[in-house]
Amino acid sequence: CISQYGVGCLYRFFKSVKGPQYCDCLEDALLGTIEDINKSAVDIIYQQDGAPPHTSLVARAWLAERDIFTLSWLPNSCDLNIIEHVWHYLKHKVRPRYPKPKNIEDLWEVIEWEWYSIPNEFIAKLYDSMTRRCSEVYKAKG
């Protein structure tokens, strides 16, 4: 998760993700992040893509039961999904690390370290760019 205040909770999946596993992630990471930033579920607008776990009946019900408003999102709108820029930033911090992680646990440690080191200013700039990005898409009739 990210919010306008910076990175939120990072969640690790240990197997393929279906609706119920995604709800576990929401319970821990999304609600944890909301609590960490001293907000309530009704204060946020949640954005996610159209991946099957995100659009599953169980996930939609989970979000609705908690009054979490979910932003409708076009399936191929990476230009506007600012989390993609965060993943890119994270990959460029993790990949050059030396020594290379020896196993999955070492890799997870590196990912966590780099995730929680992402500057709040970087996230804030991404949020600030949304008005311009949306305006450009609108002008292009996209």
Protein backbone atom coordinates (compact mmCIF):
# COMPACT_ATOMS: atom_id res chain seq x y z
CA CYS A 1 0.00 0.00 0.00
CA ILE A 2 0.95 3.60 -0.49
CA SER A 3 -0.84 6.74 0.61
CA GLN A 4 -0.22 10.40 0.11
CA TYR A 5 1.82 10.19 3.31
CA GLY A 6 4.32 7.65 1.97
CA VAL A 7 4.63 3.90 1.78
CA GLY A 8 2.33 1.76 3.83
CA CYS A 9 2.46 -1.84 4.92
CA LEU A 10 4.23 -4.30 2.65
CA TYR A 11 2.63 -7.73 2.42
CA ARG A 12 4.26 -10.99 1.41
CA PHE A 13 2.34 -13.75 -0.32
CA PHE A 14 3.58 -17.31 0.06
CA LYS A 15 1.39 -18.92 -2.61
CA SER A 16 -0.75 -17.95 -5.55
CA VAL A 17 -3.26 -15.26 -4.77
CA LYS A 18 -6.99 -15.84 -4.96
CA GLY A 19 -9.77 -13.77 -3.44
CA PRO A 20 -9.43 -15.11 0.13
CA GLN A 21 -5.64 -14.57 0.22
CA TYR A 22 -6.15 -11.07 -1.15
CA CYS A 23 -8.63 -10.36 1.65
CA ASP A 24 -5.98 -11.47 4.17
CA CYS A 25 -3.64 -8.94 2.56
CA LEU A 26 -6.28 -6.22 2.77
CA GLU A 27 -6.91 -7.07 6.41
CA ASP A 28 -3.24 -6.76 7.33
CA ALA A 29 -1.73 -4.28 4.89
CA LEU A 30 -4.59 -2.00 3.92
CA LEU A 31 -6.20 -1.76 7.35
CA GLY A 32 -2.75 -1.59 8.93
CA THR A 33 -1.80 1.32 6.69
CA ILE A 34 -5.09 3.11 7.36
CA GLU A 35 -4.48 2.76 11.09
CA ASP A 36 -0.84 3.88 10.77
CA ILE A 37 -1.88 7.13 9.08
CA ASN A 38 -4.62 7.74 11.68
CA LYS A 39 -7.48 7.53 9.21
CA SER A 40 -10.60 5.41 9.02
CA ALA A 41 -11.82 3.34 6.10
CA VAL A 42 -14.40 5.97 5.12
CA ASP A 43 -11.61 8.56 4.76
CA ILE A 44 -9.87 6.79 1.89
CA ILE A 45 -10.39 6.08 -1.78
CA TYR A 46 -8.84 2.73 -2.57
CA GLN A 47 -7.33 2.10 -6.00
CA GLN A 48 -6.53 -1.33 -7.36
CA ASP A 49 -6.32 -2.83 -10.81
CA GLY A 50 -8.63 -5.41 -12.34
CA ALA A 51 -6.64 -8.49 -11.36
CA PRO A 52 -8.96 -11.45 -10.65
CA PRO A 53 -8.29 -11.50 -6.87
CA HIS A 54 -9.12 -7.79 -6.69
CA THR A 55 -12.42 -8.18 -8.50
CA SER A 56 -13.43 -11.46 -6.85
CA LEU A 57 -16.79 -11.58 -5.11
CA VAL A 58 -15.13 -12.23 -1.77
CA ALA A 59 -12.82 -9.19 -2.13
CA ARG A 60 -15.62 -6.90 -3.29
CA ALA A 61 -17.76 -8.04 -0.35
CA TRP A 62 -14.84 -7.54 2.06
CA LEU A 63 -14.36 -3.95 0.88
CA ALA A 64 -18.10 -3.20 0.91
CA GLU A 65 -18.51 -4.57 4.46
CA ARG A 66 -15.87 -2.12 5.64
CA ASP A 67 -17.26 0.86 3.69
CA ILE A 68 -14.07 1.20 1.67
CA PHE A 69 -14.76 3.15 -1.50
CA THR A 70 -12.93 1.65 -4.47
CA LEU A 71 -12.06 3.83 -7.41
CA SER A 72 -13.26 2.43 -10.73
CA TRP A 73 -10.21 1.84 -12.87
CA LEU A 74 -9.68 1.06 -16.52
CA PRO A 75 -7.85 -2.22 -17.14
CA ASN A 76 -4.93 -0.77 -19.16
CA SER A 77 -4.20 2.50 -17.44
CA CYS A 78 -0.65 2.02 -16.15
CA ASP A 79 0.13 5.65 -17.00
CA LEU A 80 -2.17 6.68 -14.18
CA ASN A 81 -1.49 3.96 -11.68
CA ILE A 82 1.22 5.54 -9.57
CA ILE A 83 2.05 2.30 -7.77
CA GLU A 84 3.72 1.19 -11.02
CA HIS A 85 6.26 3.98 -10.55
CA VAL A 86 6.85 2.83 -6.99
CA TRP A 87 7.50 -0.77 -8.16
CA HIS A 88 9.92 0.58 -10.77
CA TYR A 89 11.74 2.62 -8.13
CA LEU A 90 11.91 -0.40 -5.81
CA LYS A 91 13.29 -2.69 -8.53
CA HIS A 92 16.03 -0.18 -9.30
CA LYS A 93 17.01 -0.12 -5.63
CA VAL A 94 16.90 -3.90 -5.11
CA ARG A 95 18.54 -5.13 -8.32
CA PRO A 96 22.00 -3.55 -7.92
CA ARG A 97 22.38 -4.61 -4.27
CA TYR A 98 25.68 -6.28 -3.48
CA PRO A 99 26.10 -8.88 -2.29
CA LYS A 100 23.11 -10.39 -4.08
CA PRO A 101 20.55 -12.04 -1.81
CA LYS A 102 21.41 -15.73 -1.41
CA ASN A 103 17.87 -16.98 -0.92
CA ILE A 104 14.25 -15.87 -0.80
CA GLU A 105 14.52 -14.80 2.85
CA ASP A 106 17.52 -12.58 2.10
CA LEU A 107 15.67 -11.13 -0.89
CA TRP A 108 12.62 -10.36 1.26
CA GLU A 109 14.85 -8.57 3.79
CA VAL A 110 16.32 -6.41 1.02
CA ILE A 111 12.88 -5.65 -0.42
CA GLU A 112 11.53 -4.67 2.99
CA TRP A 113 14.54 -2.47 3.71
CA GLU A 114 14.28 -0.67 0.38
CA TRP A 115 10.47 -0.39 0.58
CA TYR A 116 10.52 1.36 3.94
CA SER A 117 13.39 3.57 2.73
CA ILE A 118 11.39 5.04 -0.16
CA PRO A 119 11.28 8.78 0.53
CA ASN A 120 7.89 10.25 1.42
CA GLU A 121 8.70 13.11 -0.97
CA PHE A 122 8.87 10.64 -3.88
CA ILE A 123 5.39 9.32 -3.08
CA ALA A 124 4.04 12.85 -2.54
CA LYS A 125 5.30 13.92 -5.98
CA LEU A 126 3.50 10.98 -7.56
CA TYR A 127 0.25 11.98 -5.86
CA ASP A 128 0.78 15.60 -6.88
CA SER A 129 1.23 14.50 -10.51
CA MET A 130 -2.23 12.92 -10.72
CA THR A 131 -4.08 16.10 -11.70
CA ARG A 132 -1.70 16.67 -14.61
CA ARG A 133 -1.80 13.02 -15.67
CA CYS A 134 -5.60 12.89 -15.65
CA SER A 135 -5.78 16.17 -17.54
CA GLU A 136 -3.44 14.83 -20.23
CA VAL A 137 -5.52 11.66 -20.63
CA TYR A 138 -8.67 13.77 -20.88
CA LYS A 139 -7.11 16.04 -23.52
CA ALA A 140 -6.04 13.00 -25.52
CA LYS A 141 -9.62 11.69 -25.29
CA GLY A 142 -8.26 8.59 -23.62
